[in-house]
């Protein structure tokens, strides 16, 4: 988290409900290492989907039939995450 400009306090301000069908995607997103993000002069700029597709899905044991949905979910989470990271 710290490598991406976030602290635990950023996540403890409010509770959010995660639908069961989205749980795997949210947990995958939370576990992304710093190397999954492309970094520019101002910090993270976007997710590196080549790293996610070529390395992390296998590393975390994500089944091939689930990868398309998780990628779609990552696309939705990436923008708001970057907005929060850069709001500081």
Protein backbone atom coordinates (compact mmCIF):
# COMPACT_ATOMS: atom_id res chain seq x y z
CA UNK A 1 0.00 0.00 0.00
CA UNK A 2 2.68 2.49 1.00
CA UNK A 3 4.50 2.02 -2.29
CA UNK A 4 1.37 3.25 -4.02
CA UNK A 5 0.85 6.24 -1.74
CA UNK A 6 -1.80 4.65 0.45
CA UNK A 7 -1.96 3.80 4.14
CA UNK A 8 -4.25 1.53 6.15
CA UNK A 9 -6.17 4.65 7.22
CA UNK A 10 -7.21 5.15 3.59
CA UNK A 11 -9.22 1.95 3.86
CA UNK A 12 -10.57 2.28 7.38
CA UNK A 13 -12.67 5.41 6.95
CA UNK A 14 -15.77 3.63 5.75
CA UNK A 15 -16.99 0.12 5.24
CA UNK A 16 -18.06 -0.98 1.82
CA UNK A 17 -20.03 -4.02 0.86
CA UNK A 18 -18.54 -6.34 -1.74
CA UNK A 19 -20.90 -8.57 -3.61
CA UNK A 20 -19.87 -12.24 -3.45
CA UNK A 21 -19.50 -12.36 -7.25
CA UNK A 22 -16.86 -9.58 -7.04
CA UNK A 23 -14.94 -10.86 -4.02
CA UNK A 24 -12.22 -12.67 -5.98
CA UNK A 25 -11.55 -9.58 -8.12
CA UNK A 26 -11.38 -7.26 -5.13
CA UNK A 27 -8.98 -9.57 -3.28
CA UNK A 28 -6.83 -9.89 -6.41
CA UNK A 29 -6.75 -6.09 -6.77
CA UNK A 30 -5.78 -5.65 -3.11
CA UNK A 31 -2.91 -8.10 -3.51
CA UNK A 32 -1.33 -6.42 -6.55
CA UNK A 33 2.34 -5.65 -5.90
CA UNK A 34 4.03 -2.40 -6.85
CA UNK A 35 5.36 -4.05 -10.01
CA UNK A 36 1.82 -4.39 -11.33
CA UNK A 37 1.62 -0.59 -11.69
CA UNK A 38 3.41 1.55 -14.24
CA UNK A 39 5.00 4.50 -12.47
CA UNK A 40 5.67 7.98 -13.79
CA UNK A 41 7.04 11.14 -12.22
CA UNK A 42 3.92 11.49 -10.05
CA UNK A 43 3.66 7.87 -8.90
CA UNK A 44 1.43 5.12 -10.28
CA UNK A 45 -0.06 5.97 -13.67
CA UNK A 46 -1.83 2.76 -14.74
CA UNK A 47 -1.91 -0.96 -14.21
CA UNK A 48 0.50 -2.98 -16.32
CA UNK A 49 -1.86 -5.55 -17.76
CA UNK A 50 1.00 -7.49 -19.38
CA UNK A 51 2.39 -8.23 -15.90
CA UNK A 52 -1.04 -9.14 -14.61
CA UNK A 53 -1.83 -11.39 -17.57
CA UNK A 54 1.58 -12.97 -18.05
CA UNK A 55 2.74 -13.38 -14.44
CA UNK A 56 0.30 -12.58 -11.66
CA UNK A 57 -2.67 -14.66 -12.75
CA UNK A 58 -0.45 -17.74 -12.71
CA UNK A 59 1.28 -16.69 -9.49
CA UNK A 60 -2.02 -16.29 -7.64
CA UNK A 61 -3.54 -19.40 -9.23
CA UNK A 62 -6.39 -17.62 -11.03
CA UNK A 63 -8.18 -20.09 -13.27
CA UNK A 64 -8.27 -19.22 -16.97
CA UNK A 65 -12.07 -19.15 -17.07
CA UNK A 66 -12.11 -16.38 -14.40
CA UNK A 67 -9.42 -14.15 -15.90
CA UNK A 68 -11.64 -12.29 -18.38
CA UNK A 69 -14.06 -11.23 -15.64
CA UNK A 70 -11.28 -10.25 -13.26
CA UNK A 71 -9.68 -8.10 -15.98
CA UNK A 72 -13.02 -6.37 -16.58
CA UNK A 73 -13.32 -5.72 -12.85
CA UNK A 74 -9.74 -4.39 -12.69
CA UNK A 75 -10.56 -1.92 -15.47
CA UNK A 76 -13.39 -0.59 -13.27
CA UNK A 77 -11.28 -0.37 -10.10
CA UNK A 78 -8.16 1.14 -11.66
CA UNK A 79 -9.53 4.66 -12.29
CA UNK A 80 -10.99 5.29 -8.82
CA UNK A 81 -7.85 3.80 -7.22
CA UNK A 82 -5.61 6.19 -9.16
CA UNK A 83 -7.87 9.10 -8.28
CA UNK A 84 -7.52 8.23 -4.58
CA UNK A 85 -3.75 7.69 -4.82
CA UNK A 86 -3.24 11.08 -6.47
CA UNK A 87 -5.68 12.98 -4.24
CA UNK A 88 -3.01 13.37 -1.56
